[in-house]
Amino acid sequence: MSAKSKLSAVILVLSVAALFAGLASAKQDPERKQCSHQCRVQQQFDEEQKEECMRKYEEYHREKKEREGVKELEFDPDRRLRECQSRCMRQGRGEAQQLCRFRCRQRLEREHDRRWEEEGKKHTKEYEEEEKHNPYVFEDRHFSTPIKTGKGRVDLLTKFTHNSDLLRGIENYRLALLVANPKAFLIPNHFDANAIFVVTQGRVIISMIHEDKRRSFNIETGDIIRVRSGTPLYLINRDDSEKLFIVKLLQTVNRPDHYEVFYGAAGAKPESFYATFSIEILEAALKNSRDKLERFFDKQGKEAILAVSKEQIEECGKGGGIWPFGSDSKNPFNLFKKRRPSKSNKYGQLFEVDADEFQHLKDFDLRVSYANISRGSMIAPLYNSRAIKIAIVVQGEGYLEMVPPDVSSKSSHRQSRDSGQRKSGSSYQKMSSRLPFDTVFVVPAGHPFVTVASRRTNLEVLCFEVNIENNVRYLLAGEGNFVQQFEKEAKELAFKTREEEVDMIFGNQDEEFFLPGPSQQGSRDYK
């Protein structure tokens, strides 16, 4: 095409565009149809020039919409790919056409990713606004670090009732994280709380003193172990290269929502409780002179987590009955060495352990579970009849939606205090939150919720479900959802429509528990 002809095509496109620029209420299709007609009726244009005219109009139309911030009503990747690849036919056959088709796919993928990124930013802004008032989600800022050395740290989550009294049902529980570098040693200590430890990464030797015996356990990723209140213990990360991560759920025994750690062998920070006794008491109790005792306690280190050698690791645990050889084989129990997960399909896996399999959980009325949600997938919306879920993200990222009662108004607060219950005509609010690594969230009993994995990564969540005895998990969607159990009359009365239509809505999803998430729905066919 000559430069003059190209200029004519551009002028025509701009003229046609200007004609329709003032028609703010005009629909997209009539405008495009009219412009197409204007390009086609130009007698001075050959077919190639007419195609060029339409292409330039399309470019102008797209740029105009972007400037005005107007989104297309629907992004149809299949149609866009067909249109792009049909234009590749002009490239002839062979490598040129193949390269053109390949570039079409690349452009569509980039646009698809851009749209997801924009959508993610929009949701992030929504979540950030809601998270400011979300008492059910705890992030990095809710953790303190009472112990921190060059070899590891202990992070302690604030008490669950810190932001709101809505979580009074678990006020006697605290959550803590232990992170230890390879070949690190946590000095002997005890605490005034019963505890469940879950190893989410690494290999560790943990030694506990029970009455007059020492028991050592060689445990690894997925192992659950119970520690009784007041039990002296110490542990070693026995791996040469991998960090150790342990999640600890603590049930306090002295004060609600508060526990203390006591160190016997330490120095100035943390302080040894031995050295806090008066010297006269120590002289009598340990039957040693004042000078010897003072020199001895002055040698103690000043850190709770220390470096150890490979030889020291090998020596630790000898003679104490390393599990499972010569020790209690029921403590610990591994989440992942069961015969099969309790729920599994291509969208995720769920591993669960309760008191029937690991009897030490009975004292806590607790179930421990681990959900691995495939990227872009989700757990079906559900609620627990009486269990309170305490969950922490141990790998990946995703987001949470929950539907608690709306208690934001003053009247609702007053009503809750005065009568202990809400009046009829309940209203709800949607609580949304991003779930990056190490985020903790709590779901009270009866509260419907859903967890969704990021499109980029799987979402792996460790869960402690408190008050598990006689708990029932009610699915709100997917195979086995509770609406499917209604009889015909109940369905029609409840939803004001025929049973067949109710069944079409609640019986259309044939997957159970793990479902394709919102990012996967675009490629699925609906009945």
Protein backbone atom coordinates (compact mmCIF):
# COMPACT_ATOMS: atom_id res chain seq x y z
CA MET A 1 0.00 0.00 0.00
CA SER A 2 1.32 3.48 -0.88
CA ALA A 3 1.94 6.09 1.82
CA LYS A 4 -0.83 8.22 0.33
CA SER A 5 -3.34 5.37 0.50
CA LYS A 6 -2.31 4.58 4.09
CA LEU A 7 -2.81 8.22 5.03
CA SER A 8 -6.26 8.19 3.43
CA ALA A 9 -7.19 5.08 5.43
CA VAL A 10 -6.05 6.69 8.68
CA ILE A 11 -7.95 9.91 7.94
CA LEU A 12 -11.07 7.91 7.17
CA VAL A 13 -10.78 5.94 10.40
CA LEU A 14 -10.31 9.09 12.45
CA SER A 15 -13.24 10.73 10.72
CA VAL A 16 -15.51 7.79 11.37
CA ALA A 17 -14.28 7.62 14.99
CA ALA A 18 -14.93 11.32 15.46
CA LEU A 19 -18.45 10.84 14.11
CA PHE A 20 -19.20 8.38 16.91
CA ALA A 21 -17.10 9.92 19.69
CA GLY A 22 -20.02 12.05 20.90
CA LEU A 23 -22.45 9.17 20.97
CA ALA A 24 -21.71 8.17 24.57
CA SER A 25 -24.79 6.01 24.79
CA ALA A 26 -24.22 4.16 21.51
CA LYS A 27 -23.61 0.42 21.78
CA GLN A 28 -20.35 -1.16 20.72
CA ASP A 29 -21.67 -3.47 17.98
CA PRO A 30 -23.62 -0.85 15.93
CA GLU A 31 -20.61 1.47 16.02
CA ARG A 32 -18.26 -1.26 14.82
CA LYS A 33 -20.76 -2.32 12.14
CA GLN A 34 -21.04 1.23 10.81
CA CYS A 35 -17.27 1.72 10.74
CA SER A 36 -16.86 -1.60 8.98
CA HIS A 37 -19.37 -0.45 6.39
CA GLN A 38 -17.49 2.84 5.87
CA CYS A 39 -14.24 0.96 5.27
CA ARG A 40 -15.86 -1.49 2.85
CA VAL A 41 -17.64 1.08 0.63
CA GLN A 42 -14.50 3.07 -0.22
CA GLN A 43 -14.17 2.35 -3.92
CA GLN A 44 -10.59 3.65 -4.10
CA PHE A 45 -9.48 0.89 -1.65
CA ASP A 46 -8.51 -2.57 -2.78
CA GLU A 47 -9.15 -5.53 -0.45
CA GLU A 48 -5.84 -5.15 1.35
CA GLN A 49 -6.48 -1.47 1.95
CA LYS A 50 -9.96 -2.21 3.31
CA GLU A 51 -8.49 -4.76 5.73
CA GLU A 52 -5.89 -2.18 6.77
CA CYS A 53 -8.68 0.34 7.36
CA MET A 54 -10.51 -2.09 9.64
CA ARG A 55 -7.32 -3.03 11.50
CA LYS A 56 -6.49 0.61 12.22
CA TYR A 57 -10.03 1.26 13.38
CA GLU A 58 -9.83 -1.72 15.75
CA GLU A 59 -6.56 -0.37 17.16
CA TYR A 60 -8.04 3.10 17.59
CA HIS A 61 -11.19 1.68 19.17
CA ARG A 62 -9.16 -0.39 21.67
CA GLU A 63 -6.87 2.51 22.61
CA LYS A 64 -9.90 4.77 23.03
CA LYS A 65 -11.50 2.33 25.44
CA GLU A 66 -8.28 1.99 27.41
CA ARG A 67 -7.96 5.78 27.70
CA GLU A 68 -11.51 6.04 28.95
CA GLY A 69 -11.02 3.12 31.33
CA VAL A 70 -13.79 1.10 29.67
CA LYS A 71 -13.38 -2.66 29.88
CA GLU A 72 -14.65 -5.05 27.26
CA LEU A 73 -17.90 -6.67 28.32
CA GLU A 74 -16.41 -10.13 27.98
CA PHE A 75 -12.93 -11.51 27.45
CA ASP A 76 -13.31 -14.50 25.13
CA PRO A 77 -9.80 -15.96 24.69
CA ASP A 78 -10.92 -18.64 22.22
CA ARG A 79 -12.55 -16.10 19.91
CA ARG A 80 -9.60 -13.72 20.17
CA LEU A 81 -7.17 -16.55 19.38
CA ARG A 82 -9.20 -17.62 16.33
CA GLU A 83 -9.34 -14.07 15.02
CA CYS A 84 -5.61 -13.54 15.51
CA GLN A 85 -4.65 -16.86 13.93
CA SER A 86 -6.97 -16.30 10.97
CA ARG A 87 -4.93 -13.18 10.18
CA CYS A 88 -1.85 -15.40 10.11
CA MET A 89 -3.20 -17.01 6.94
CA ARG A 90 -1.88 -14.00 5.03
CA GLN A 91 1.63 -15.05 5.97
CA GLY A 92 1.43 -17.98 3.58
CA ARG A 93 2.47 -21.40 4.72
CA GLY A 94 5.50 -22.68 6.56
CA GLU A 95 7.57 -21.16 9.34
CA ALA A 96 6.24 -17.60 8.94
CA GLN A 97 2.67 -18.74 9.59
CA GLN A 98 3.71 -20.96 12.51
CA LEU A 99 5.63 -18.08 14.08
CA CYS A 100 2.60 -15.81 13.66
CA ARG A 101 0.29 -18.34 15.34
CA PHE A 102 2.79 -18.80 18.16
CA ARG A 103 2.89 -15.04 18.74
CA CYS A 104 -0.91 -14.98 18.84
CA ARG A 105 -0.89 -17.44 21.70
CA GLN A 106 1.84 -15.50 23.49
CA ARG A 107 -0.12 -12.23 23.22
CA LEU A 108 -3.28 -13.90 24.54
CA GLU A 109 -1.38 -15.43 27.46
CA ARG A 110 0.16 -12.07 28.33
CA GLU A 111 -3.23 -10.38 28.18
CA HIS A 112 -4.77 -13.12 30.29
CA ASP A 113 -2.02 -12.73 32.92
CA ARG A 114 -2.42 -8.94 32.85
CA ARG A 115 -6.15 -9.25 33.46
CA TRP A 116 -5.56 -11.62 36.38
CA GLU A 117 -2.99 -9.25 37.82
CA GLU A 118 -5.42 -6.33 37.55
CA GLU A 119 -8.18 -8.43 39.11
CA GLY A 120 -5.78 -9.48 41.88
CA LYS A 121 -4.92 -5.84 42.61
CA LYS A 122 -8.61 -5.01 42.81
CA HIS A 123 -9.27 -7.88 45.22
CA THR A 124 -6.18 -6.96 47.23
CA LYS A 125 -7.54 -3.45 47.78
CA GLU A 126 -10.86 -4.94 48.85
CA TYR A 127 -9.13 -7.37 51.20
CA GLU A 128 -6.91 -4.67 52.70
CA GLU A 129 -9.96 -2.57 53.51
CA GLU A 130 -11.75 -5.52 55.08
CA GLU A 131 -8.66 -6.82 56.91
CA LYS A 132 -8.47 -3.57 58.90
CA HIS A 133 -11.61 -4.73 60.73
CA ASN A 134 -11.15 -8.51 60.48
CA PRO A 135 -10.82 -10.09 63.94
CA TYR A 136 -10.50 -13.59 62.48
CA VAL A 137 -7.19 -13.14 60.61
CA PHE A 138 -3.71 -12.67 62.11
CA GLU A 139 -0.67 -11.61 60.09
CA ASP A 140 3.03 -10.91 60.72
CA ARG A 141 2.21 -7.79 62.74
CA HIS A 142 0.29 -9.94 65.23
CA PHE A 143 3.39 -11.99 66.12
CA SER A 144 6.01 -11.07 68.71
CA THR A 145 9.47 -12.68 68.90
CA PRO A 146 10.37 -13.37 72.53
CA ILE A 147 13.38 -15.51 71.53
CA LYS A 148 15.70 -14.58 68.65
CA THR A 149 19.31 -15.59 68.05
CA GLY A 150 21.54 -16.11 65.04
CA LYS A 151 20.50 -19.79 65.03
CA GLY A 152 16.75 -19.48 65.29
CA ARG A 153 13.75 -17.82 66.84
CA VAL A 154 10.38 -18.36 68.51
CA ASP A 155 7.41 -16.33 67.24
CA LEU A 156 4.35 -16.02 69.48
CA LEU A 157 0.94 -15.07 68.14
CA THR A 158 -1.00 -12.52 70.13
CA LYS A 159 -3.89 -13.90 72.16
CA PHE A 160 -6.90 -14.72 69.99
CA THR A 161 -9.10 -12.22 71.82
CA HIS A 162 -6.63 -9.37 71.17
CA ASN A 163 -8.74 -7.71 68.46
CA SER A 164 -12.17 -8.83 69.58
CA ASP A 165 -13.99 -10.90 72.19
CA LEU A 166 -15.63 -12.87 69.37
CA LEU A 167 -13.03 -15.61 69.88
CA ARG A 168 -13.58 -16.15 73.62
CA GLY A 169 -14.17 -19.85 72.90
CA ILE A 170 -10.42 -20.36 72.37
CA GLU A 171 -9.04 -17.85 74.87
CA ASN A 172 -7.17 -20.66 76.66
CA TYR A 173 -5.16 -21.42 73.52
CA ARG A 174 -2.03 -19.78 72.10
CA LEU A 175 -0.12 -20.43 68.88
CA ALA A 176 3.68 -20.29 68.56
CA LEU A 177 6.21 -21.04 65.80
CA LEU A 178 9.72 -22.40 66.29
CA VAL A 179 12.24 -21.81 63.48
CA ALA A 180 15.72 -23.32 63.93
CA ASN A 181 18.68 -23.32 61.56
CA PRO A 182 20.46 -26.56 60.61
CA LYS A 183 22.42 -28.05 63.52
CA ALA A 184 20.78 -25.80 66.13
CA PHE A 185 20.05 -26.71 69.77
CA LEU A 186 17.14 -25.36 71.82
CA ILE A 187 18.25 -25.34 75.48
CA PRO A 188 16.19 -27.20 78.14
CA ASN A 189 12.98 -25.47 79.16
CA HIS A 190 9.43 -26.15 80.29
CA PHE A 191 6.17 -24.18 80.09
CA ASP A 192 2.91 -23.99 82.01
CA ALA A 193 0.75 -25.23 79.14
CA ASN A 194 -0.16 -28.49 77.46
CA ALA A 195 1.03 -28.48 73.87
CA ILE A 196 0.71 -30.17 70.52
CA PHE A 197 3.78 -29.83 68.28
CA VAL A 198 3.51 -30.37 64.50
CA VAL A 199 6.67 -30.51 62.40
CA THR A 200 5.89 -28.75 59.11
CA GLN A 201 9.46 -28.92 57.78
CA GLY A 202 12.70 -30.60 58.81
CA ARG A 203 14.06 -33.40 61.01
CA VAL A 204 14.50 -33.03 64.75
CA ILE A 205 15.52 -34.95 67.87
CA ILE A 206 13.28 -33.95 70.77
CA SER A 207 14.05 -35.19 74.27
CA MET A 208 11.57 -35.01 77.16
CA ILE A 209 12.01 -35.85 80.84
CA HIS A 210 9.01 -37.67 82.33
CA GLU A 211 9.37 -38.29 86.05
CA ASP A 212 12.73 -40.12 86.27
CA LYS A 213 13.09 -41.12 82.61
CA ARG A 214 14.28 -39.42 79.44
CA ARG A 215 12.54 -40.19 76.20
CA SER A 216 13.96 -39.05 72.88
CA PHE A 217 12.06 -38.97 69.61
CA ASN A 218 13.53 -38.80 66.13
CA ILE A 219 10.78 -36.96 64.27
CA GLU A 220 10.31 -35.37 60.85
CA THR A 221 7.90 -33.48 58.58
CA GLY A 222 4.29 -34.40 59.32
CA ASP A 223 4.91 -35.76 62.83
CA ILE A 224 2.59 -34.72 65.67
CA ILE A 225 3.76 -34.99 69.28
CA ARG A 226 2.09 -34.14 72.59
CA VAL A 227 4.00 -32.35 75.37
CA ARG A 228 2.44 -32.31 78.84
CA SER A 229 2.49 -29.11 80.86
CA GLY A 230 5.68 -28.71 82.90
CA THR A 231 7.66 -31.38 80.98
CA PRO A 232 11.36 -30.45 80.65
CA LEU A 233 12.43 -30.75 77.02
CA TYR A 234 15.18 -29.82 74.59
CA LEU A 235 15.58 -30.40 70.87
CA ILE A 236 18.12 -30.40 68.04
CA ASN A 237 17.67 -29.72 64.34
CA ARG A 238 19.59 -32.75 63.12
CA ASP A 239 19.59 -31.75 59.45
CA ASP A 240 22.78 -30.44 57.81
CA SER A 241 21.06 -28.03 55.42
CA GLU A 242 17.30 -27.72 56.02
CA LYS A 243 15.66 -25.30 58.45
CA LEU A 244 13.29 -26.68 61.05
CA PHE A 245 9.72 -25.36 61.38
CA ILE A 246 7.45 -26.46 64.22
CA VAL A 247 3.93 -25.12 64.83
CA LYS A 248 2.89 -25.30 68.50
CA LEU A 249 -0.68 -25.12 69.80
CA LEU A 250 -0.60 -24.45 73.54
CA GLN A 251 -3.45 -24.93 76.01
CA THR A 252 -2.77 -22.75 79.06
CA VAL A 253 -3.26 -24.10 82.59
CA ASN A 254 -2.56 -21.19 84.96
CA ARG A 255 -4.06 -18.13 83.28
CA PRO A 256 -6.41 -17.79 80.32
CA ASP A 257 -4.61 -16.81 77.08
CA HIS A 258 -1.21 -16.60 78.83
CA TYR A 259 1.67 -19.00 79.38
CA GLU A 260 5.26 -18.75 80.60
CA VAL A 261 8.45 -20.50 79.52
CA PHE A 262 10.98 -21.41 82.22
CA TYR A 263 14.66 -21.98 81.41
CA GLY A 264 16.87 -24.01 83.73
CA ALA A 265 20.14 -23.82 81.78
CA ALA A 266 20.72 -20.30 80.51
CA GLY A 267 22.39 -17.05 81.42
CA ALA A 268 21.37 -13.42 81.58
CA LYS A 269 18.95 -13.58 78.65
CA PRO A 270 16.98 -15.75 79.04
CA GLU A 271 17.63 -15.92 82.74
CA SER A 272 18.08 -19.28 84.46
CA PHE A 273 15.59 -19.86 87.24
CA TYR A 274 18.36 -21.69 89.14
CA ALA A 275 20.40 -18.51 89.33
CA THR A 276 17.39 -16.57 90.59
CA PHE A 277 17.23 -18.49 93.86
CA SER A 278 19.20 -17.02 96.72
CA ILE A 279 22.77 -18.31 96.93
CA GLU A 280 22.10 -19.75 100.41
CA ILE A 281 19.32 -21.94 99.03
CA LEU A 282 21.53 -23.13 96.16
CA GLU A 283 24.38 -23.94 98.55
CA ALA A 284 22.08 -26.11 100.64
CA ALA A 285 20.16 -27.68 97.76
CA LEU A 286 23.13 -28.48 95.52
CA LYS A 287 25.63 -29.09 98.32
CA ASN A 288 28.31 -26.89 96.75
CA SER A 289 30.22 -23.83 97.88
CA ARG A 290 29.16 -20.31 97.01
CA ASP A 291 32.33 -19.66 94.95
CA LYS A 292 31.90 -22.83 92.88
CA LEU A 293 28.22 -22.10 92.21
CA GLU A 294 28.88 -18.50 91.20
CA ARG A 295 31.67 -19.57 88.81
CA PHE A 296 29.41 -22.30 87.39
CA PHE A 297 26.43 -20.04 86.66
CA ASP A 298 28.64 -17.26 85.31
CA LYS A 299 29.72 -19.66 82.53
CA GLN A 300 26.20 -20.10 81.23
CA GLY A 301 25.46 -18.73 77.77
CA LYS A 302 23.13 -15.89 76.95
CA GLU A 303 21.07 -17.45 74.14
CA ALA A 304 18.25 -20.00 74.07
CA ILE A 305 19.14 -21.44 70.64
CA LEU A 306 22.76 -22.48 70.08
CA ALA A 307 24.92 -24.06 67.36
CA VAL A 308 25.99 -27.69 67.79
CA SER A 309 28.46 -29.96 66.01
CA LYS A 310 27.65 -33.08 64.02
CA GLU A 311 29.31 -35.20 66.71
CA GLN A 312 27.13 -33.65 69.41
CA ILE A 313 24.02 -34.39 67.34
CA GLU A 314 25.05 -38.03 67.00
CA GLU A 315 25.58 -38.34 70.77
CA CYS A 316 22.24 -36.73 71.69
CA GLY A 317 19.46 -39.22 72.17
CA LYS A 318 21.68 -42.21 72.92
CA GLY A 319 20.39 -44.35 75.77
CA GLY A 320 16.99 -42.71 75.94
CA GLY A 321 15.06 -44.98 73.60
CA ILE A 322 14.93 -43.18 70.25
CA TRP A 323 11.41 -43.62 68.88
CA PRO A 324 10.18 -46.01 67.58
CA PHE A 325 12.81 -48.29 69.11
CA GLY A 326 12.15 -48.93 72.79
CA SER A 327 9.79 -45.99 73.37
CA ASP A 328 6.10 -45.17 73.24
CA SER A 329 5.18 -45.86 69.62
CA LYS A 330 1.96 -43.87 69.95
CA ASN A 331 3.83 -40.62 70.42
CA PRO A 332 4.44 -39.17 67.84
CA PHE A 333 2.03 -39.84 64.95
CA ASN A 334 2.71 -38.86 61.33
CA LEU A 335 0.02 -37.10 59.30
CA PHE A 336 1.29 -38.25 55.93
CA LYS A 337 2.00 -41.92 56.63
CA LYS A 338 -1.62 -42.94 56.75
CA ARG A 339 -2.82 -45.36 54.10
CA ARG A 340 -4.62 -42.65 52.16
CA PRO A 341 -5.86 -39.05 52.59
CA SER A 342 -9.39 -38.65 53.92
CA LYS A 343 -10.34 -36.50 50.90
CA SER A 344 -8.55 -36.48 47.56
CA ASN A 345 -9.07 -35.57 43.91
CA LYS A 346 -7.16 -33.60 41.30
CA TYR A 347 -8.05 -30.35 43.10
CA GLY A 348 -6.46 -31.21 46.44
CA GLN A 349 -5.76 -33.60 49.31
CA LEU A 350 -6.81 -33.58 52.96
CA PHE A 351 -4.97 -35.51 55.70
CA GLU A 352 -6.66 -35.77 59.11
CA VAL A 353 -5.77 -37.25 62.50
CA ASP A 354 -8.10 -37.40 65.51
CA ALA A 355 -8.16 -39.13 68.90
CA ASP A 356 -9.18 -42.48 67.38
CA GLU A 357 -5.76 -42.69 65.70
CA PHE A 358 -3.65 -40.56 68.04
CA GLN A 359 -5.05 -40.90 71.56
CA HIS A 360 -3.07 -37.94 72.95
CA LEU A 361 -5.44 -35.59 71.05
CA LYS A 362 -8.33 -36.69 73.27
CA ASP A 363 -7.21 -34.47 76.15
CA PHE A 364 -7.44 -31.46 73.82
CA ASP A 365 -10.73 -32.51 72.16
CA LEU A 366 -8.78 -31.81 68.99
CA ARG A 367 -8.34 -32.91 65.39
CA VAL A 368 -5.23 -32.02 63.38
CA SER A 369 -5.51 -31.76 59.61
CA TYR A 370 -3.40 -30.70 56.66
CA ALA A 371 -4.99 -29.47 53.42
CA ASN A 372 -3.03 -29.19 50.18
CA ILE A 373 -5.23 -27.25 47.75
CA SER A 374 -4.07 -27.37 44.12
CA ARG A 375 -3.35 -24.01 42.55
CA GLY A 376 -6.49 -22.26 41.36
CA SER A 377 -8.69 -24.72 43.30
CA MET A 378 -10.68 -24.39 46.49
CA ILE A 379 -12.24 -26.29 49.37
CA ALA A 380 -16.00 -26.32 49.00
CA PRO A 381 -17.84 -23.74 51.12
CA LEU A 382 -18.68 -25.42 54.45
CA TYR A 383 -19.12 -24.93 58.17
CA ASN A 384 -18.46 -26.97 61.32
CA SER A 385 -21.31 -27.64 63.74
CA ARG A 386 -19.25 -27.13 66.95
CA ALA A 387 -15.53 -27.17 66.11
CA ILE A 388 -13.49 -23.97 66.06
CA LYS A 389 -10.82 -24.06 63.36
CA ILE A 390 -7.38 -22.52 64.02
CA ALA A 391 -5.39 -22.60 60.78
CA ILE A 392 -1.97 -21.43 59.57
CA VAL A 393 -0.66 -21.19 56.01
CA VAL A 394 2.57 -23.22 55.86
CA GLN A 395 3.18 -23.09 52.09
CA GLY A 396 1.89 -21.07 49.14
CA GLU A 397 -0.80 -18.42 49.18
CA GLY A 398 -4.49 -17.94 48.56
CA TYR A 399 -7.48 -16.18 50.06
CA LEU A 400 -10.30 -16.70 52.51
CA GLU A 401 -13.96 -15.70 52.47
CA MET A 402 -16.12 -16.12 55.57
CA VAL A 403 -19.71 -15.21 56.39
CA PRO A 404 -20.06 -14.20 60.06
CA PRO A 405 -23.13 -12.46 61.49
CA ASP A 406 -23.02 -8.70 61.09
CA VAL A 407 -22.36 -7.42 64.60
CA SER A 408 -20.89 -4.08 63.55
CA SER A 409 -23.79 -1.92 64.67
CA LYS A 410 -24.20 -0.70 68.23
CA SER A 411 -27.62 -2.28 68.48
CA SER A 412 -26.21 -5.67 67.54
CA HIS A 413 -23.54 -5.40 70.23
CA ARG A 414 -26.08 -4.35 72.84
CA GLN A 415 -28.45 -7.09 71.73
CA SER A 416 -25.71 -9.72 72.01
CA ARG A 417 -24.80 -8.59 75.55
CA ASP A 418 -28.36 -8.34 76.79
CA SER A 419 -29.90 -11.53 75.40
CA GLY A 420 -26.96 -13.64 74.28
CA GLN A 421 -28.57 -14.16 70.90
CA ARG A 422 -29.67 -12.29 67.81
CA LYS A 423 -33.22 -11.47 66.79
CA SER A 424 -34.79 -12.94 63.68
CA GLY A 425 -34.02 -11.32 60.34
CA SER A 426 -30.28 -11.88 60.70
CA SER A 427 -27.90 -10.09 58.36
CA TYR A 428 -24.38 -11.16 57.47
CA GLN A 429 -21.16 -9.62 56.32
CA LYS A 430 -18.49 -11.01 54.01
CA MET A 431 -15.04 -11.17 55.59
CA SER A 432 -12.30 -11.53 52.96
CA SER A 433 -8.58 -11.85 53.45
CA ARG A 434 -5.47 -12.71 51.51
CA LEU A 435 -3.64 -15.74 52.88
CA PRO A 436 0.11 -15.37 52.39
CA PHE A 437 2.68 -17.61 54.09
CA ASP A 438 2.42 -17.75 57.92
CA THR A 439 -1.03 -16.13 58.05
CA VAL A 440 -3.23 -17.49 60.85
CA PHE A 441 -7.00 -17.49 60.58
CA VAL A 442 -9.78 -18.66 62.88
CA VAL A 443 -13.23 -19.88 61.85
CA PRO A 444 -15.78 -20.13 64.69
CA ALA A 445 -18.35 -22.92 64.78
CA GLY A 446 -21.32 -22.45 62.48
CA HIS A 447 -19.60 -19.83 60.30
CA PRO A 448 -19.68 -20.65 56.56
CA PHE A 449 -16.27 -20.17 54.90
CA VAL A 450 -14.20 -21.07 51.85
CA THR A 451 -10.44 -21.18 51.21
CA VAL A 452 -9.06 -20.72 47.70
CA ALA A 453 -5.55 -21.38 46.40
CA SER A 454 -3.69 -18.81 44.36
CA ARG A 455 -3.57 -19.31 40.62
CA ARG A 456 0.24 -19.40 40.91
CA THR A 457 0.83 -21.86 43.77
CA ASN A 458 -0.78 -24.57 45.84
CA LEU A 459 -2.15 -23.49 49.21
CA GLU A 460 -1.04 -25.72 52.12
CA VAL A 461 -2.79 -25.16 55.43
CA LEU A 462 -2.24 -26.80 58.82
CA CYS A 463 -5.41 -26.83 60.93
CA PHE A 464 -6.22 -27.45 64.59
CA GLU A 465 -9.95 -28.07 65.11
CA VAL A 466 -10.91 -27.56 68.76
CA ASN A 467 -14.15 -29.03 70.21
CA ILE A 468 -14.13 -31.84 67.67
CA GLU A 469 -16.20 -34.36 69.65
CA ASN A 470 -19.61 -34.78 67.99
CA ASN A 471 -18.69 -32.16 65.40
CA VAL A 472 -20.30 -32.45 61.96
CA ARG A 473 -18.83 -30.87 58.84
CA TYR A 474 -21.60 -29.55 56.59
CA LEU A 475 -20.73 -28.98 52.94
CA LEU A 476 -22.60 -26.13 51.24
CA ALA A 477 -21.67 -27.11 47.65
CA GLY A 478 -20.38 -30.05 45.69
CA GLU A 479 -21.22 -33.73 46.02
CA GLY A 480 -22.73 -34.45 49.44
CA ASN A 481 -23.91 -30.89 50.21
CA PHE A 482 -26.65 -30.78 52.81
CA VAL A 483 -29.31 -29.26 50.50
CA GLN A 484 -29.34 -32.51 48.54
CA GLN A 485 -30.73 -34.23 51.65
CA PHE A 486 -33.89 -32.06 51.75
CA GLU A 487 -37.12 -33.71 50.68
CA LYS A 488 -39.00 -32.30 47.70
CA GLU A 489 -41.43 -30.15 49.71
CA ALA A 490 -38.64 -28.60 51.80
CA LYS A 491 -36.67 -27.70 48.68
CA GLU A 492 -39.64 -26.06 47.02
CA LEU A 493 -40.75 -24.18 50.13
CA ALA A 494 -37.25 -23.00 51.04
CA PHE A 495 -36.18 -21.83 47.58
CA LYS A 496 -39.61 -20.88 46.15
CA THR A 497 -39.09 -22.91 42.99
CA ARG A 498 -39.55 -26.41 41.63
CA GLU A 499 -37.45 -29.27 43.00
CA GLU A 500 -35.92 -29.84 39.55
CA GLU A 501 -34.49 -26.32 39.49
CA VAL A 502 -33.10 -26.67 43.04
CA ASP A 503 -31.43 -29.93 42.01
CA MET A 504 -29.98 -28.27 38.92
CA ILE A 505 -28.37 -25.63 41.15
CA PHE A 506 -27.14 -27.79 44.03
CA GLY A 507 -26.56 -31.01 42.08
CA ASN A 508 -24.60 -29.63 39.14
CA GLN A 509 -21.17 -29.79 40.84
CA ASP A 510 -20.10 -33.45 40.82
CA GLU A 511 -16.78 -33.01 42.66
CA GLU A 512 -16.62 -33.50 46.42
CA PHE A 513 -14.85 -31.29 49.01
CA PHE A 514 -12.07 -30.02 46.70
CA LEU A 515 -13.50 -28.06 43.77
CA PRO A 516 -12.20 -26.04 40.82
CA GLY A 517 -11.82 -22.43 41.95
CA PRO A 518 -13.04 -19.21 40.33
CA SER A 519 -9.94 -18.96 38.10
CA GLN A 520 -10.71 -22.40 36.62
CA GLN A 521 -14.40 -21.92 35.96
CA GLY A 522 -13.97 -20.06 32.67
CA SER A 523 -12.82 -23.20 30.89
CA ARG A 524 -15.61 -25.44 32.25
CA ASP A 525 -18.93 -26.27 30.63
CA TYR A 526 -22.10 -25.83 32.65
CA LYS A 527 -25.19 -27.98 32.29
